[in-house]
Protein backbone atom coordinates (compact mmCIF):
# COMPACT_ATOMS: atom_id res chain seq x y z
CA MET A 1 74.05 105.25 -9.82
CA ASN A 2 75.46 102.41 -7.76
CA PRO A 3 77.61 99.72 -9.30
CA MET A 4 76.23 96.21 -9.39
CA TRP A 5 77.91 92.94 -8.61
CA ILE A 6 76.72 89.39 -8.29
CA THR A 7 77.59 86.89 -5.62
CA THR A 8 77.16 83.18 -6.24
CA ARG A 9 76.71 80.29 -3.86
CA ASP A 10 75.41 76.78 -4.16
CA ALA A 11 72.48 75.50 -2.12
CA ALA A 12 70.97 72.03 -1.97
CA THR A 13 68.25 73.19 -4.37
CA GLY A 14 70.59 74.88 -6.86
CA PRO A 15 72.53 78.10 -7.39
CA VAL A 16 71.81 81.32 -5.51
CA LEU A 17 72.76 84.59 -7.17
CA GLY A 18 72.87 87.62 -4.91
CA ILE A 19 72.35 90.84 -6.85
CA VAL A 20 73.96 93.78 -5.07
CA GLY A 21 73.53 97.41 -6.12
CA ASP A 22 71.61 98.77 -9.10
CA LEU A 23 70.12 96.46 -11.71
CA ASP A 24 69.60 98.86 -14.59
CA TYR A 25 70.32 99.37 -18.26
CA THR A 26 74.04 99.81 -17.55
CA THR A 27 74.40 96.62 -15.50
CA VAL A 28 71.91 94.05 -16.85
CA GLY A 29 74.49 92.69 -19.26
CA GLU A 30 76.46 91.31 -16.33
CA LEU A 31 73.44 89.36 -15.07
CA ARG A 32 72.61 88.07 -18.54
CA GLU A 33 76.23 86.99 -19.05
CA ARG A 34 76.34 85.26 -15.67
CA LEU A 35 73.18 83.33 -16.55
CA THR A 36 74.78 81.93 -19.71
CA THR A 37 77.70 80.49 -17.70
CA LEU A 38 75.56 79.18 -14.86
CA THR A 39 75.30 75.43 -14.31
CA LEU A 40 71.62 74.76 -13.79
CA ARG A 41 70.28 71.24 -14.09
CA PRO A 42 66.68 70.11 -14.67
CA GLY A 43 64.72 70.13 -11.42
CA GLN A 44 67.01 72.61 -9.69
CA ARG A 45 65.89 76.02 -8.48
CA LEU A 46 67.71 79.21 -9.38
CA VAL A 47 67.30 81.73 -6.57
CA LEU A 48 67.87 85.42 -7.17
CA ASP A 49 68.54 87.00 -3.79
CA LEU A 50 67.58 90.67 -4.04
CA ALA A 51 68.17 91.62 -0.39
CA ARG A 52 70.90 94.08 -1.37
CA LEU A 53 69.30 95.37 -4.56
CA THR A 54 69.16 99.16 -4.36
CA PHE A 55 67.43 100.00 -7.65
CA CYS A 56 65.76 98.15 -10.51
CA ASP A 57 64.58 99.85 -13.70
CA SER A 58 62.61 98.36 -16.58
CA SER A 59 65.79 96.83 -18.01
CA GLY A 60 66.32 95.08 -14.69
CA ILE A 61 62.76 93.76 -14.70
CA THR A 62 63.35 92.48 -18.23
CA ALA A 63 66.55 90.76 -17.03
CA LEU A 64 64.58 89.03 -14.27
CA ILE A 65 62.15 87.75 -16.90
CA ALA A 66 65.11 86.60 -19.02
CA ALA A 67 66.44 84.70 -15.98
CA ARG A 68 63.05 83.02 -15.60
CA ASN A 69 63.03 82.08 -19.28
CA HIS A 70 66.59 80.74 -19.00
CA ALA A 71 65.65 78.54 -16.03
CA ASP A 72 62.50 77.37 -17.79
CA ALA A 73 64.45 76.42 -20.92
CA LEU A 74 66.67 74.22 -18.74
CA HIS A 75 63.62 72.63 -17.04
CA ALA A 76 64.53 74.31 -13.76
CA ASP A 77 62.60 76.56 -11.41
CA ILE A 78 63.32 80.11 -10.32
CA ALA A 79 62.48 82.05 -7.17
CA LEU A 80 63.06 85.60 -5.99
CA ALA A 81 64.16 86.15 -2.41
CA ALA A 82 64.08 89.25 -0.21
CA VAL A 83 62.58 91.48 -2.89
CA PRO A 84 62.87 95.13 -1.78
CA ALA A 85 59.56 96.97 -1.35
CA HIS A 86 60.19 99.33 -4.27
CA THR A 87 60.81 96.42 -6.65
CA LEU A 88 58.00 94.31 -5.22
CA ARG A 89 55.58 97.14 -5.91
CA VAL A 90 56.55 97.15 -9.58
CA LEU A 91 56.35 93.35 -9.82
CA ARG A 92 52.85 93.47 -8.38
CA MET A 93 51.74 96.32 -10.64
CA VAL A 94 52.66 94.38 -13.77
CA GLY A 95 51.54 90.99 -12.49
CA LEU A 96 54.98 89.39 -12.26
CA ASP A 97 54.33 88.40 -8.66
CA GLN A 98 52.07 85.78 -10.26
CA ILE A 99 54.89 84.12 -12.23
CA PHE A 100 57.79 84.47 -9.78
CA PRO A 101 57.65 82.56 -6.52
CA LEU A 102 58.56 85.13 -3.84
CA HIS A 103 60.30 84.29 -0.56
CA PRO A 104 61.21 86.45 2.42
CA ASP A 105 64.88 85.43 2.23
CA SER A 106 67.23 83.07 0.42
CA ASP A 107 67.07 80.50 3.22
CA ALA A 108 63.33 80.12 2.69
CA ALA A 109 63.79 80.04 -1.09
CA THR A 110 66.33 77.21 -0.88
CA ARG A 111 64.29 74.86 1.27
CA PRO A 112 63.46 71.69 -0.68
């Protein structure tokens, strides 16, 4: 198991969270907690940059859905950037590629 940490930066479209390491049942609490303290205004886009994500289990997938619901509740958008192939496969299998806008990298995801 790899530890997980989250980087944060602001873009013109809204906050960008970089998830680094394993997003699993032992680490999802950190993402959920970060979301509750995140300043996200209506019309902004929350970008989850997964370029350095090494593993994502079902708890991690659930946390991504929770992030989407959080953004939606605040009348904001969400996008996933640089989704690793192993995670993209799961998203496609369960149809979540239809509800998450997917971008090749965070630069593309933060273009207005």
